[in-house]
Amino acid sequence: MREYQGIVGALLYCSTNTRPDIAYTVGLLSRAMSRPTPELLAAAHHVLYYLHRHRDVGLRFESDSVPLYGMSDSDWAIKHSTSGSVFRLNRATSSWGSRKQPTIALSSCEAELMAASEAAKDAVYLDAFLTELGEKTSDDVVALHVDNKGARDLAYNPEHHAKVKHIERRHFYIRELVEDRRLTVPYVATIDNIADFFTKPLKTKQFLAITYTIY
């Protein structure tokens, strides 16, 4: 158990600071810290091997003028879904996350809305941080892209109230930000949503394509 916890703890440090490509996998491994199995330990060793094999991969920061923007996504599951988000500034990945949703979503739209609202909190923090550094103009509004039209519509207007009245009010935080013109929620095609990288296992070709985009 201690070996597993030590490995996953080290991987958590990597996944939250320098290696977003292992964030989803490490998030899954960390859910079993108190009851690891031999199969999970083997999976943790496999992640270590992956990092060793791709130790030349790293985040790149280049001078550019692209404002802060983000993307969010979720993988709707029978039980707790996984939320994923990523924010980029000047074409460089600056913040990312892969989190298990605290409650069970009854639809993909609800799961996407929950993911977007959580990502909106990060957007507010990063926006305030850039303002404090003097790197933000008054005209800059953070764009948080989503690939679910229903969730996007709910961010602007809570339509079909009878179908969404069970959703906790805190998940509509994103709508308040939109109304205050602190956030916009553009639609992005699923194939172009790099936040998908943080919600589910992907095929090798798609995984590598997003990896090259993030790095």
Protein backbone atom coordinates (compact mmCIF):
# COMPACT_ATOMS: atom_id res chain seq x y z
CA MET A 1 0.00 0.00 0.00
CA ARG A 2 2.75 2.47 0.92
CA GLU A 3 4.53 1.84 -2.37
CA TYR A 4 1.34 2.58 -4.29
CA GLN A 5 0.60 5.71 -2.27
CA GLY A 6 4.14 6.97 -2.74
CA ILE A 7 4.07 6.46 -6.50
CA VAL A 8 0.64 8.04 -6.94
CA GLY A 9 1.62 10.97 -4.69
CA ALA A 10 4.65 11.65 -6.89
CA LEU A 11 2.53 11.31 -10.02
CA LEU A 12 -0.01 13.76 -8.61
CA TYR A 13 2.76 16.34 -8.27
CA CYS A 14 3.74 15.81 -11.90
CA SER A 15 0.18 15.85 -13.21
CA THR A 16 -0.74 19.11 -11.47
CA ASN A 17 2.44 21.02 -12.31
CA THR A 18 4.11 19.90 -15.52
CA ARG A 19 2.42 16.91 -17.16
CA PRO A 20 -1.25 17.44 -18.06
CA ASP A 21 -1.13 14.35 -20.29
CA ILE A 22 -1.31 12.07 -17.24
CA ALA A 23 -3.92 14.07 -15.31
CA TYR A 24 -6.87 11.81 -16.13
CA THR A 25 -5.01 8.57 -15.43
CA VAL A 26 -3.55 9.81 -12.16
CA GLY A 27 -6.98 11.07 -11.13
CA LEU A 28 -8.34 7.55 -11.50
CA LEU A 29 -5.41 6.01 -9.62
CA SER A 30 -5.81 8.44 -6.74
CA ARG A 31 -9.38 7.25 -6.11
CA ALA A 32 -8.05 3.99 -4.69
CA MET A 33 -5.33 5.24 -2.35
CA SER A 34 -6.74 3.33 0.64
CA ARG A 35 -7.35 0.01 -1.15
CA PRO A 36 -4.91 -0.51 -4.02
CA THR A 37 -4.79 -3.80 -5.88
CA PRO A 38 -1.88 -5.45 -7.70
CA GLU A 39 -3.47 -4.40 -10.99
CA LEU A 40 -3.57 -0.76 -9.89
CA LEU A 41 0.06 -0.92 -8.77
CA ALA A 42 0.99 -2.29 -12.19
CA ALA A 43 -0.94 0.59 -13.80
CA ALA A 44 0.96 3.11 -11.66
CA HIS A 45 4.25 1.53 -12.76
CA HIS A 46 3.05 1.80 -16.36
CA VAL A 47 2.54 5.55 -15.93
CA LEU A 48 6.08 5.83 -14.55
CA TYR A 49 7.35 3.99 -17.62
CA TYR A 50 5.37 6.34 -19.86
CA LEU A 51 6.93 9.39 -18.19
CA HIS A 52 10.40 7.90 -18.50
CA ARG A 53 9.86 7.09 -22.16
CA HIS A 54 8.54 10.60 -22.89
CA ARG A 55 10.74 12.54 -20.47
CA ASP A 56 11.60 15.05 -23.21
CA VAL A 57 7.99 16.29 -23.31
CA GLY A 58 7.33 19.56 -21.52
CA LEU A 59 5.21 22.70 -21.48
CA ARG A 60 6.31 25.52 -23.77
CA PHE A 61 5.72 29.19 -23.13
CA GLU A 62 6.07 31.56 -26.04
CA SER A 63 5.47 35.27 -26.47
CA ASP A 64 2.14 35.86 -28.19
CA SER A 65 -0.95 38.03 -27.94
CA VAL A 66 -3.71 35.42 -27.68
CA PRO A 67 -5.92 36.27 -24.66
CA LEU A 68 -6.88 33.79 -21.98
CA TYR A 69 -9.47 31.22 -23.04
CA GLY A 70 -10.58 27.85 -21.77
CA MET A 71 -12.42 24.68 -22.66
CA SER A 72 -14.46 22.32 -20.51
CA ASP A 73 -15.92 18.89 -21.06
CA SER A 74 -17.30 15.90 -19.20
CA ASP A 75 -17.66 12.18 -19.70
CA TRP A 76 -21.21 11.30 -18.77
CA ALA A 77 -21.13 8.11 -16.72
CA ILE A 78 -23.75 5.94 -15.04
CA LYS A 79 -22.38 7.02 -11.68
CA HIS A 80 -20.12 9.99 -11.06
CA SER A 81 -18.91 11.64 -14.25
CA THR A 82 -15.49 13.21 -14.74
CA SER A 83 -15.06 16.92 -15.41
CA GLY A 84 -12.16 18.20 -17.47
CA SER A 85 -10.95 21.72 -18.16
CA VAL A 86 -7.96 23.48 -19.66
CA PHE A 87 -6.99 27.13 -19.97
CA ARG A 88 -4.48 28.61 -22.38
CA LEU A 89 -2.82 32.00 -22.51
CA ASN A 90 -0.64 33.19 -25.40
CA ARG A 91 -1.00 29.71 -26.94
CA ALA A 92 0.51 28.12 -23.81
CA THR A 93 -1.32 25.77 -21.47
CA SER A 94 -1.43 27.49 -18.09
CA SER A 95 -4.05 25.57 -16.07
CA TRP A 96 -5.84 22.24 -16.33
CA GLY A 97 -7.84 19.81 -14.24
CA SER A 98 -9.53 16.41 -14.21
CA ARG A 99 -11.99 15.92 -11.35
CA LYS A 100 -14.62 13.44 -10.32
CA GLN A 101 -18.00 15.16 -10.12
CA PRO A 102 -19.46 15.22 -6.58
CA THR A 103 -22.98 14.22 -7.60
CA ILE A 104 -24.54 11.92 -10.18
CA ALA A 105 -25.67 13.68 -13.36
CA LEU A 106 -28.94 12.50 -14.88
CA SER A 107 -28.04 13.62 -18.40
CA SER A 108 -25.05 14.57 -20.50
CA CYS A 109 -26.29 18.18 -20.50
CA GLU A 110 -26.26 18.26 -16.70
CA ALA A 111 -22.78 16.71 -16.58
CA GLU A 112 -21.51 19.31 -19.06
CA LEU A 113 -23.09 22.16 -17.11
CA MET A 114 -21.48 20.94 -13.89
CA ALA A 115 -18.10 20.75 -15.62
CA ALA A 116 -18.48 24.22 -17.10
CA SER A 117 -19.46 25.78 -13.78
CA GLU A 118 -16.41 24.28 -12.08
CA ALA A 119 -14.20 25.52 -14.91
CA ALA A 120 -15.78 28.96 -14.57
CA LYS A 121 -14.31 29.22 -11.06
CA ASP A 122 -10.84 28.73 -12.51
CA ALA A 123 -11.62 31.31 -15.19
CA VAL A 124 -12.53 33.90 -12.55
CA TYR A 125 -9.35 33.21 -10.60
CA LEU A 126 -7.07 33.40 -13.64
CA ASP A 127 -8.81 36.53 -14.87
CA ALA A 128 -8.29 38.23 -11.50
CA PHE A 129 -4.67 37.09 -11.42
CA LEU A 130 -3.97 38.60 -14.84
CA THR A 131 -5.69 41.82 -13.77
CA GLU A 132 -3.45 42.02 -10.70
CA LEU A 133 -0.40 41.57 -12.91
CA GLY A 134 -1.60 44.32 -15.24
CA GLU A 135 -1.82 41.89 -18.16
CA LYS A 136 -5.55 42.29 -18.82
CA THR A 137 -7.47 45.06 -20.54
CA SER A 138 -11.03 46.03 -19.71
CA ASP A 139 -12.20 44.65 -23.07
CA ASP A 140 -10.89 41.15 -22.44
CA VAL A 141 -13.60 38.64 -21.53
CA VAL A 142 -12.65 35.04 -20.88
CA ALA A 143 -14.16 32.59 -23.37
CA LEU A 144 -15.02 29.15 -21.97
CA HIS A 145 -15.74 26.80 -24.87
CA VAL A 146 -18.13 23.86 -24.45
CA ASP A 147 -19.21 21.17 -26.93
CA ASN A 148 -22.73 20.63 -25.61
CA LYS A 149 -25.34 22.99 -27.03
CA GLY A 150 -27.80 22.29 -24.22
CA ALA A 151 -25.28 23.28 -21.55
CA ARG A 152 -24.33 26.36 -23.54
CA ASP A 153 -27.99 27.42 -23.82
CA LEU A 154 -28.45 26.96 -20.07
CA ALA A 155 -25.45 29.20 -19.45
CA TYR A 156 -27.30 32.00 -21.22
CA ASN A 157 -30.90 31.19 -20.35
CA PRO A 158 -32.36 28.49 -18.07
CA GLU A 159 -34.79 27.08 -20.61
CA HIS A 160 -36.85 23.93 -20.04
CA HIS A 161 -37.01 24.61 -16.32
CA ALA A 162 -39.01 21.46 -15.61
CA LYS A 163 -36.12 19.36 -16.90
CA VAL A 164 -33.37 21.11 -14.96
CA LYS A 165 -35.06 22.07 -11.69
CA HIS A 166 -33.30 19.20 -9.91
CA ILE A 167 -29.85 20.64 -10.72
CA GLU A 168 -28.24 22.32 -7.72
CA ARG A 169 -28.27 26.10 -7.93
CA ARG A 170 -24.50 26.38 -7.56
CA HIS A 171 -24.09 24.79 -10.98
CA PHE A 172 -25.76 27.84 -12.52
CA TYR A 173 -22.91 30.05 -11.30
CA ILE A 174 -21.70 30.21 -14.87
CA ARG A 175 -24.93 31.98 -15.89
CA GLU A 176 -24.29 34.76 -13.38
CA LEU A 177 -20.84 35.30 -14.88
CA VAL A 178 -22.33 35.46 -18.37
CA GLU A 179 -24.94 37.99 -17.24
CA ASP A 180 -22.21 40.12 -15.64
CA ARG A 181 -20.25 39.97 -18.92
CA ARG A 182 -17.28 38.38 -17.21
CA LEU A 183 -17.48 35.22 -19.29
CA THR A 184 -18.66 34.06 -22.69
CA VAL A 185 -19.54 30.48 -23.58
CA PRO A 186 -18.85 29.78 -27.26
CA TYR A 187 -19.65 26.42 -28.82
CA VAL A 188 -16.78 24.23 -30.00
CA ALA A 189 -17.01 20.98 -31.93
CA THR A 190 -16.19 17.89 -29.88
CA ILE A 191 -13.29 17.00 -32.15
CA ASP A 192 -11.70 20.40 -31.42
CA ASN A 193 -12.36 20.36 -27.66
CA ILE A 194 -9.01 19.55 -26.08
CA ALA A 195 -10.65 19.32 -22.64
CA ASP A 196 -11.90 15.90 -23.79
CA PHE A 197 -8.31 14.85 -23.03
CA PHE A 198 -9.05 15.12 -19.29
CA THR A 199 -12.32 13.17 -19.12
CA LYS A 200 -11.81 9.76 -20.70
CA PRO A 201 -9.24 7.41 -22.23
CA LEU A 202 -8.66 8.21 -25.90
CA LYS A 203 -7.38 6.27 -28.86
CA THR A 204 -3.66 6.65 -29.50
CA LYS A 205 -4.01 8.90 -32.54
CA GLN A 206 -6.38 11.30 -30.80
CA PHE A 207 -4.35 11.21 -27.58
CA LEU A 208 -1.14 12.17 -29.39
CA ALA A 209 -2.88 14.87 -31.42
CA ILE A 210 -4.16 16.62 -28.28
CA THR A 211 -0.83 16.08 -26.51
CA TYR A 212 0.97 17.97 -29.27
CA THR A 213 -1.65 20.75 -29.02
CA ILE A 214 -1.29 21.10 -25.24
CA TYR A 215 2.49 21.07 -25.31
